[in-house]
Amino acid sequence: MSLLFEELDYRPTPIGELSLRRRRELRLGVDVLEIKLGEEHLMSSLFTHGEEQLAELGLAAHAGALRDANDLWRGHLGTELSLLHHLQEQIRHVEDRLDALAAADARTARLRTVPGVGPRLSEAVVAWIDDPHRFPNARGVGSYVGLVPRRRQSGTYDRSGRVTKHGPGLLRKLLVEVAWLMRQHNPHAAALYQRLSKGERTRRKQAVVALGRRLLTWCWAMLRDETDWDAQRLGVAA
């Protein structure tokens, strides 16, 4: 094998082919130890100190002489950090693509006029609601997302329980998470939350879920009527 390149180890994994190799970096006059997953570079001794420790560990293991157990943990940490960095890059790529798609869609731009609503929620609402006219009323869209309470009826017994949680779980979670944040950025939502919770700590979660349902109906009405955020038109009092 060439002195400029040597494959030290190779093994297939469920996520691709993993290889450890050594190559000579002629510009720097040093040997570079690298770990690759398929064609992607996961680690290199030219990068962080943790990655360098793992490369040294690979050489030591190849020679049959493990130096120090601490090297194993430093190398493992370097691997995890490299994988994290790789995943973060993939997430940024996906988010950039979503932002580009949303920028070309007037519906997502309309929903972002709601104080406190960001790109991810507006995209999710547009994707799942699609045609707002297929829902006859606000309760219909709330039922579709699973944000209406269960009804228990038997004879004279009639009681509302927790929300059904039917339909798209991701959209439901986004609505509730954004409802928590809207209390800080939307005075109308903050006022509605105070009325629903009645200032009681035990009612906070119930009030936020109700606020998430109200947020959904605001978005649905804006898409149906093709109008931007207007608190007075939507019947929202601060």
C-alpha atoms as a PDB file:
ATOM      1  CA  MET A   1       0.000   0.000   0.000  1.00  0.00           C
ATOM      2  CA  SER A   2       1.181   3.531  -0.777  1.00  0.00           C
ATOM      3  CA  LEU A   3       2.975   5.429   1.984  1.00  0.00           C
ATOM      4  CA  LEU A   4       0.724   8.402   1.177  1.00  0.00           C
ATOM      5  CA  PHE A   5      -2.461   6.524   2.113  1.00  0.00           C
ATOM      6  CA  GLU A   6      -3.372   3.527   4.290  1.00  0.00           C
ATOM      7  CA  GLU A   7      -6.743   2.154   5.405  1.00  0.00           C
ATOM      8  CA  LEU A   8      -6.373   1.048   9.021  1.00  0.00           C
ATOM      9  CA  ASP A   9      -9.840  -0.313   9.669  1.00  0.00           C
ATOM     10  CA  TYR A  10     -13.181  -0.753   7.917  1.00  0.00           C
ATOM     11  CA  ARG A  11     -16.591  -2.036   8.940  1.00  0.00           C
ATOM     12  CA  PRO A  12     -20.185  -1.779   7.683  1.00  0.00           C
ATOM     13  CA  THR A  13     -22.720  -0.172  10.046  1.00  0.00           C
ATOM     14  CA  PRO A  14     -26.519   0.342   9.912  1.00  0.00           C
ATOM     15  CA  ILE A  15     -25.934   3.970   8.847  1.00  0.00           C
ATOM     16  CA  GLY A  16     -23.194   3.328   6.264  1.00  0.00           C
ATOM     17  CA  GLU A  17     -19.614   2.174   5.765  1.00  0.00           C
ATOM     18  CA  LEU A  18     -17.266   3.363   8.520  1.00  0.00           C
ATOM     19  CA  SER A  19     -13.540   3.523   7.812  1.00  0.00           C
ATOM     20  CA  LEU A  20     -10.395   4.656   9.638  1.00  0.00           C
ATOM     21  CA  ARG A  21      -7.539   5.736   7.391  1.00  0.00           C
ATOM     22  CA  ARG A  22      -4.190   7.460   7.423  1.00  0.00           C
ATOM     23  CA  ARG A  23      -2.982   9.800   4.699  1.00  0.00           C
ATOM     24  CA  ARG A  24       0.097  11.995   4.326  1.00  0.00           C
ATOM     25  CA  GLU A  25      -0.603  15.744   4.204  1.00  0.00           C
ATOM     26  CA  LEU A  26       2.297  16.925   2.048  1.00  0.00           C
ATOM     27  CA  ARG A  27       1.672  20.643   2.579  1.00  0.00           C
ATOM     28  CA  LEU A  28       1.976  20.317   6.354  1.00  0.00           C
ATOM     29  CA  GLY A  29       4.391  17.416   6.431  1.00  0.00           C
ATOM     30  CA  VAL A  30       2.215  15.425   8.873  1.00  0.00           C
ATOM     31  CA  ASP A  31       0.192  12.204   8.894  1.00  0.00           C
ATOM     32  CA  VAL A  32      -3.576  12.875   9.043  1.00  0.00           C
ATOM     33  CA  LEU A  33      -5.863  10.284  10.626  1.00  0.00           C
ATOM     34  CA  GLU A  34      -9.478  10.380   9.471  1.00  0.00           C
ATOM     35  CA  ILE A  35     -12.782   8.607  10.076  1.00  0.00           C
ATOM     36  CA  LYS A  36     -15.269   8.548   7.203  1.00  0.00           C
ATOM     37  CA  LEU A  37     -18.901   7.484   7.045  1.00  0.00           C
ATOM     38  CA  GLY A  38     -19.448   6.652   3.407  1.00  0.00           C
ATOM     39  CA  GLU A  39     -18.145   9.719   1.592  1.00  0.00           C
ATOM     40  CA  GLU A  40     -18.671  12.042   4.560  1.00  0.00           C
ATOM     41  CA  HIS A  41     -15.700  13.053   6.742  1.00  0.00           C
ATOM     42  CA  LEU A  42     -16.719  12.600  10.374  1.00  0.00           C
ATOM     43  CA  MET A  43     -13.382  13.219  12.082  1.00  0.00           C
ATOM     44  CA  SER A  44      -9.851  14.309  11.314  1.00  0.00           C
ATOM     45  CA  SER A  45      -6.750  14.816  13.415  1.00  0.00           C
ATOM     46  CA  LEU A  46      -6.529  18.255  11.810  1.00  0.00           C
ATOM     47  CA  PHE A  47      -9.686  19.283  13.672  1.00  0.00           C
ATOM     48  CA  THR A  48     -10.378  19.245  17.403  1.00  0.00           C
ATOM     49  CA  HIS A  49      -8.156  17.842  20.123  1.00  0.00           C
ATOM     50  CA  GLY A  50     -10.778  15.195  20.914  1.00  0.00           C
ATOM     51  CA  GLU A  51     -10.675  13.940  17.339  1.00  0.00           C
ATOM     52  CA  GLU A  52      -6.897  13.824  17.445  1.00  0.00           C
ATOM     53  CA  GLN A  53      -7.072  11.636  20.563  1.00  0.00           C
ATOM     54  CA  LEU A  54      -9.374   9.190  18.793  1.00  0.00           C
ATOM     55  CA  ALA A  55      -7.052   9.000  15.812  1.00  0.00           C
ATOM     56  CA  GLU A  56      -4.157   8.227  18.146  1.00  0.00           C
ATOM     57  CA  LEU A  57      -6.292   5.585  19.819  1.00  0.00           C
ATOM     58  CA  GLY A  58      -6.945   3.973  16.451  1.00  0.00           C
ATOM     59  CA  LEU A  59      -3.225   3.721  15.747  1.00  0.00           C
ATOM     60  CA  ALA A  60      -2.514   2.372  19.245  1.00  0.00           C
ATOM     61  CA  ALA A  61      -5.221  -0.271  18.928  1.00  0.00           C
ATOM     62  CA  HIS A  62      -3.942  -1.189  15.473  1.00  0.00           C
ATOM     63  CA  ALA A  63      -0.486  -1.745  16.968  1.00  0.00           C
ATOM     64  CA  GLY A  64      -1.969  -3.709  19.871  1.00  0.00           C
ATOM     65  CA  ALA A  65      -1.010  -1.204  22.571  1.00  0.00           C
ATOM     66  CA  LEU A  66      -3.835   0.839  24.125  1.00  0.00           C
ATOM     67  CA  ARG A  67      -2.183   3.700  25.978  1.00  0.00           C
ATOM     68  CA  ASP A  68      -4.773   5.058  28.351  1.00  0.00           C
ATOM     69  CA  ALA A  69      -8.468   4.467  29.018  1.00  0.00           C
ATOM     70  CA  ASN A  70      -8.945   8.249  29.119  1.00  0.00           C
ATOM     71  CA  ASP A  71      -8.077   8.334  25.420  1.00  0.00           C
ATOM     72  CA  LEU A  72     -11.093   6.158  24.749  1.00  0.00           C
ATOM     73  CA  TRP A  73     -13.440   8.662  26.392  1.00  0.00           C
ATOM     74  CA  ARG A  74     -11.785  11.647  24.725  1.00  0.00           C
ATOM     75  CA  GLY A  75     -12.054   9.923  21.383  1.00  0.00           C
ATOM     76  CA  HIS A  76     -15.662   8.913  21.992  1.00  0.00           C
ATOM     77  CA  LEU A  77     -16.529  12.499  22.904  1.00  0.00           C
ATOM     78  CA  GLY A  78     -14.831  13.696  19.731  1.00  0.00           C
ATOM     79  CA  THR A  79     -16.922  11.254  17.693  1.00  0.00           C
ATOM     80  CA  GLU A  80     -20.169  12.380  19.309  1.00  0.00           C
ATOM     81  CA  LEU A  81     -19.320  16.058  18.776  1.00  0.00           C
ATOM     82  CA  SER A  82     -18.513  15.403  15.121  1.00  0.00           C
ATOM     83  CA  LEU A  83     -21.794  13.551  14.598  1.00  0.00           C
ATOM     84  CA  LEU A  84     -23.628  16.392  16.336  1.00  0.00           C
ATOM     85  CA  HIS A  85     -21.961  18.915  14.054  1.00  0.00           C
ATOM     86  CA  HIS A  86     -22.915  16.816  11.021  1.00  0.00           C
ATOM     87  CA  LEU A  87     -26.559  16.619  12.128  1.00  0.00           C
ATOM     88  CA  GLN A  88     -26.652  20.350  12.828  1.00  0.00           C
ATOM     89  CA  GLU A  89     -25.455  21.002   9.292  1.00  0.00           C
ATOM     90  CA  GLN A  90     -28.208  18.776   7.916  1.00  0.00           C
ATOM     91  CA  ILE A  91     -30.828  20.574  10.040  1.00  0.00           C
ATOM     92  CA  ARG A  92     -29.577  23.957   8.799  1.00  0.00           C
ATOM     93  CA  HIS A  93     -29.815  22.713   5.227  1.00  0.00           C
ATOM     94  CA  VAL A  94     -33.413  21.548   5.739  1.00  0.00           C
ATOM     95  CA  GLU A  95     -34.380  24.804   7.466  1.00  0.00           C
ATOM     96  CA  ASP A  96     -32.842  26.855   4.635  1.00  0.00           C
ATOM     97  CA  ARG A  97     -34.907  24.853   2.147  1.00  0.00           C
ATOM     98  CA  LEU A  98     -38.075  25.344   4.219  1.00  0.00           C
ATOM     99  CA  ASP A  99     -37.396  29.082   4.473  1.00  0.00           C
ATOM    100  CA  ALA A 100     -37.019  29.291   0.695  1.00  0.00           C
ATOM    101  CA  LEU A 101     -40.317  27.463   0.137  1.00  0.00           C
ATOM    102  CA  ALA A 102     -42.107  29.588   2.741  1.00  0.00           C
ATOM    103  CA  ALA A 103     -40.803  32.826   1.237  1.00  0.00           C
ATOM    104  CA  ALA A 104     -42.596  31.944  -2.008  1.00  0.00           C
ATOM    105  CA  ASP A 105     -45.910  31.144  -0.266  1.00  0.00           C
ATOM    106  CA  ALA A 106     -48.229  34.055   0.536  1.00  0.00           C
ATOM    107  CA  ARG A 107     -50.166  31.957   3.075  1.00  0.00           C
ATOM    108  CA  THR A 108     -47.178  31.420   5.388  1.00  0.00           C
ATOM    109  CA  ALA A 109     -46.297  35.116   5.125  1.00  0.00           C
ATOM    110  CA  ARG A 110     -49.889  35.963   6.119  1.00  0.00           C
ATOM    111  CA  LEU A 111     -49.786  33.767   9.230  1.00  0.00           C
ATOM    112  CA  ARG A 112     -46.482  35.303  10.308  1.00  0.00           C
ATOM    113  CA  THR A 113     -48.267  38.630  10.739  1.00  0.00           C
ATOM    114  CA  VAL A 114     -49.678  37.140  13.975  1.00  0.00           C
ATOM    115  CA  PRO A 115     -47.430  38.455  16.797  1.00  0.00           C
ATOM    116  CA  GLY A 116     -45.498  35.482  18.161  1.00  0.00           C
ATOM    117  CA  VAL A 117     -45.968  33.132  15.180  1.00  0.00           C
ATOM    118  CA  GLY A 118     -42.768  32.098  13.426  1.00  0.00           C
ATOM    119  CA  PRO A 119     -41.887  30.247  10.219  1.00  0.00           C
ATOM    120  CA  ARG A 120     -42.161  26.650  11.434  1.00  0.00           C
ATOM    121  CA  LEU A 121     -45.676  26.976  12.865  1.00  0.00           C
ATOM    122  CA  SER A 122     -46.957  28.930   9.861  1.00  0.00           C
ATOM    123  CA  GLU A 123     -45.572  26.252   7.521  1.00  0.00           C
ATOM    124  CA  ALA A 124     -47.135  23.450   9.583  1.00  0.00           C
ATOM    125  CA  VAL A 125     -50.569  25.128   9.692  1.00  0.00           C
ATOM    126  CA  VAL A 126     -50.557  25.738   5.927  1.00  0.00           C
ATOM    127  CA  ALA A 127     -49.412  22.180   5.199  1.00  0.00           C
ATOM    128  CA  TRP A 128     -52.021  20.436   7.364  1.00  0.00           C
ATOM    129  CA  ILE A 129     -54.999  22.723   6.899  1.00  0.00           C
ATOM    130  CA  ASP A 130     -54.382  23.011   3.156  1.00  0.00           C
ATOM    131  CA  ASP A 131     -57.819  24.195   1.962  1.00  0.00           C
ATOM    132  CA  PRO A 132     -59.435  26.090   4.883  1.00  0.00           C
ATOM    133  CA  HIS A 133     -62.880  25.862   3.251  1.00  0.00           C
ATOM    134  CA  ARG A 134     -63.063  22.124   3.927  1.00  0.00           C
ATOM    135  CA  PHE A 135     -63.768  22.931   7.597  1.00  0.00           C
ATOM    136  CA  PRO A 136     -67.301  24.240   8.240  1.00  0.00           C
ATOM    137  CA  ASN A 137     -66.406  26.121  11.431  1.00  0.00           C
ATOM    138  CA  ALA A 138     -63.757  26.715  14.086  1.00  0.00           C
ATOM    139  CA  ARG A 139     -64.770  23.606  16.036  1.00  0.00           C
ATOM    140  CA  GLY A 140     -64.249  21.524  12.905  1.00  0.00           C
ATOM    141  CA  VAL A 141     -60.630  22.601  12.496  1.00  0.00           C
ATOM    142  CA  GLY A 142     -60.037  22.239  16.254  1.00  0.00           C
ATOM    143  CA  SER A 143     -61.410  18.697  16.150  1.00  0.00           C
ATOM    144  CA  TYR A 144     -59.189  17.852  13.168  1.00  0.00           C
ATOM    145  CA  VAL A 145     -56.051  18.788  15.149  1.00  0.00           C
ATOM    146  CA  GLY A 146     -57.302  17.109  18.346  1.00  0.00           C
ATOM    147  CA  LEU A 147     -57.588  20.271  20.438  1.00  0.00           C
ATOM    148  CA  VAL A 148     -61.244  19.914  21.424  1.00  0.00           C
ATOM    149  CA  PRO A 149     -62.230  18.305  24.761  1.00  0.00           C
ATOM    150  CA  ARG A 150     -63.652  14.827  24.990  1.00  0.00           C
ATOM    151  CA  ARG A 151     -67.361  14.677  25.859  1.00  0.00           C
ATOM    152  CA  ARG A 152     -68.649  12.062  28.296  1.00  0.00           C
ATOM    153  CA  GLN A 153     -72.440  11.751  28.260  1.00  0.00           C
ATOM    154  CA  SER A 154     -74.731   9.266  29.936  1.00  0.00           C
ATOM    155  CA  GLY A 155     -78.322  10.125  30.769  1.00  0.00           C
ATOM    156  CA  THR A 156     -78.179  13.382  32.688  1.00  0.00           C
ATOM    157  CA  TYR A 157     -74.370  13.125  32.960  1.00  0.00           C
ATOM    158  CA  ASP A 158     -72.515  15.450  30.575  1.00  0.00           C
ATOM    159  CA  ARG A 159     -68.908  16.353  31.212  1.00  0.00           C
ATOM    160  CA  SER A 160     -65.948  17.611  29.169  1.00  0.00           C
ATOM    161  CA  GLY A 161     -62.575  15.933  29.652  1.00  0.00           C
ATOM    162  CA  ARG A 162     -59.106  16.362  28.241  1.00  0.00           C
ATOM    163  CA  VAL A 163     -58.486  17.129  24.574  1.00  0.00           C
ATOM    164  CA  THR A 164     -58.870  14.213  22.170  1.00  0.00           C
ATOM    165  CA  LYS A 165     -55.323  14.455  20.708  1.00  0.00           C
ATOM    166  CA  HIS A 166     -56.613  13.169  17.389  1.00  0.00           C
ATOM    167  CA  GLY A 167     -54.990  14.248  14.144  1.00  0.00           C
ATOM    168  CA  PRO A 168     -51.491  15.658  13.481  1.00  0.00           C
ATOM    169  CA  GLY A 169     -49.513  15.478  16.732  1.00  0.00           C
ATOM    170  CA  LEU A 170     -46.655  17.663  15.483  1.00  0.00           C
ATOM    171  CA  LEU A 171     -48.989  20.548  14.630  1.00  0.00           C
ATOM    172  CA  ARG A 172     -50.750  20.191  17.995  1.00  0.00           C
ATOM    173  CA  LYS A 173     -47.430  20.329  19.870  1.00  0.00           C
ATOM    174  CA  LEU A 174     -46.251  23.354  17.894  1.00  0.00           C
ATOM    175  CA  LEU A 175     -49.478  25.222  18.647  1.00  0.00           C
ATOM    176  CA  VAL A 176     -49.168  24.590  22.386  1.00  0.00           C
ATOM    177  CA  GLU A 177     -45.458  25.486  22.477  1.00  0.00           C
ATOM    178  CA  VAL A 178     -46.050  28.717  20.570  1.00  0.00           C
ATOM    179  CA  ALA A 179     -48.998  29.511  22.868  1.00  0.00           C
ATOM    180  CA  TRP A 180     -46.604  29.470  25.842  1.00  0.00           C
ATOM    181  CA  LEU A 181     -44.348  31.982  24.078  1.00  0.00           C
ATOM    182  CA  MET A 182     -47.138  34.172  22.731  1.00  0.00           C
ATOM    183  CA  ARG A 183     -47.937  35.346  26.247  1.00  0.00           C
ATOM    184  CA  GLN A 184     -44.719  37.400  26.045  1.00  0.00           C
ATOM    185  CA  HIS A 185     -45.084  38.715  22.488  1.00  0.00           C
ATOM    186  CA  ASN A 186     -48.811  39.105  21.873  1.00  0.00           C
ATOM    187  CA  PRO A 187     -50.807  41.261  24.329  1.00  0.00           C
ATOM    188  CA  HIS A 188     -54.093  39.844  23.019  1.00  0.00           C
ATOM    189  CA  ALA A 189     -52.926  36.291  23.684  1.00  0.00           C
ATOM    190  CA  ALA A 190     -51.589  37.324  27.102  1.00  0.00           C
ATOM    191  CA  ALA A 191     -54.950  38.829  28.057  1.00  0.00           C
ATOM    192  CA  LEU A 192     -56.831  35.769  26.842  1.00  0.00           C
ATOM    193  CA  TYR A 193     -54.485  33.504  28.816  1.00  0.00           C
ATOM    194  CA  GLN A 194     -55.118  35.498  32.006  1.00  0.00           C
ATOM    195  CA  ARG A 195     -58.884  35.197  31.544  1.00  0.00           C
ATOM    196  CA  LEU A 196     -58.663  31.459  30.910  1.00  0.00           C
ATOM    197  CA  SER A 197     -56.309  30.705  33.797  1.00  0.00           C
ATOM    198  CA  LYS A 198     -58.099  33.094  36.199  1.00  0.00           C
ATOM    199  CA  GLY A 199     -54.713  33.689  37.809  1.00  0.00           C
ATOM    200  CA  GLU A 200     -54.608  30.142  39.220  1.00  0.00           C
ATOM    201  CA  ARG A 201     -51.419  28.079  38.882  1.00  0.00           C
ATOM    202  CA  THR A 202     -53.392  24.830  38.593  1.00  0.00           C
ATOM    203  CA  ARG A 203     -55.165  26.143  35.479  1.00  0.00           C
ATOM    204  CA  ARG A 204     -52.066  27.274  33.564  1.00  0.00           C
ATOM    205  CA  LYS A 205     -51.652  24.178  31.398  1.00  0.00           C
ATOM    206  CA  GLN A 206     -55.353  24.017  30.601  1.00  0.00           C
ATOM    207  CA  ALA A 207     -55.308  27.710  29.678  1.00  0.00           C
ATOM    208  CA  VAL A 208     -52.304  27.292  27.362  1.00  0.00           C
ATOM    209  CA  VAL A 209     -53.949  24.378  25.529  1.00  0.00           C
ATOM    210  CA  ALA A 210     -57.079  26.497  25.090  1.00  0.00           C
ATOM    211  CA  LEU A 211     -54.906  29.361  23.833  1.00  0.00           C
ATOM    212  CA  GLY A 212     -53.272  26.994  21.330  1.00  0.00           C
ATOM    213  CA  ARG A 213     -56.722  26.014  20.070  1.00  0.00           C
ATOM    214  CA  ARG A 214     -57.692  29.678  19.748  1.00  0.00           C
ATOM    215  CA  LEU A 215     -54.454  30.375  17.869  1.00  0.00           C
ATOM    216  CA  LEU A 216     -55.351  27.605  15.425  1.00  0.00           C
ATOM    217  CA  THR A 217     -58.788  29.100  14.780  1.00  0.00           C
ATOM    218  CA  TRP A 218     -57.230  32.555  14.227  1.00  0.00           C
ATOM    219  CA  CYS A 219     -54.889  31.088  11.630  1.00  0.00           C
ATOM    220  CA  TRP A 220     -57.709  29.134   9.988  1.00  0.00           C
ATOM    221  CA  ALA A 221     -59.918  32.247   9.760  1.00  0.00           C
ATOM    222  CA  MET A 222     -57.060  34.291   8.256  1.00  0.00           C
ATOM    223  CA  LEU A 223     -56.447  31.634   5.595  1.00  0.00           C
ATOM    224  CA  ARG A 224     -60.168  31.299   4.868  1.00  0.00           C
ATOM    225  CA  ASP A 225     -60.730  35.056   4.523  1.00  0.00           C
ATOM    226  CA  GLU A 226     -57.289  35.758   2.976  1.00  0.00           C
ATOM    227  CA  THR A 227     -56.574  38.530   5.460  1.00  0.00           C
ATOM    228  CA  ASP A 228     -53.616  39.408   7.672  1.00  0.00           C
ATOM    229  CA  TRP A 229     -53.705  39.650  11.452  1.00  0.00           C
ATOM    230  CA  ASP A 230     -56.404  42.018  12.656  1.00  0.00           C
ATOM    231  CA  ALA A 231     -57.274  41.645  16.337  1.00  0.00           C
ATOM    232  CA  GLN A 232     -60.532  43.599  16.061  1.00  0.00           C
ATOM    233  CA  ARG A 233     -61.801  41.649  13.058  1.00  0.00           C
ATOM    234  CA  LEU A 234     -60.953  38.345  14.777  1.00  0.00           C
ATOM    235  CA  GLY A 235     -62.814  39.474  17.904  1.00  0.00           C
ATOM    236  CA  VAL A 236     -59.712  39.460  20.095  1.00  0.00           C
ATOM    237  CA  ALA A 237     -59.679  41.984  22.953  1.00  0.00           C
ATOM    238  CA  ALA A 238     -56.441  42.967  24.688  1.00  0.00           C
END
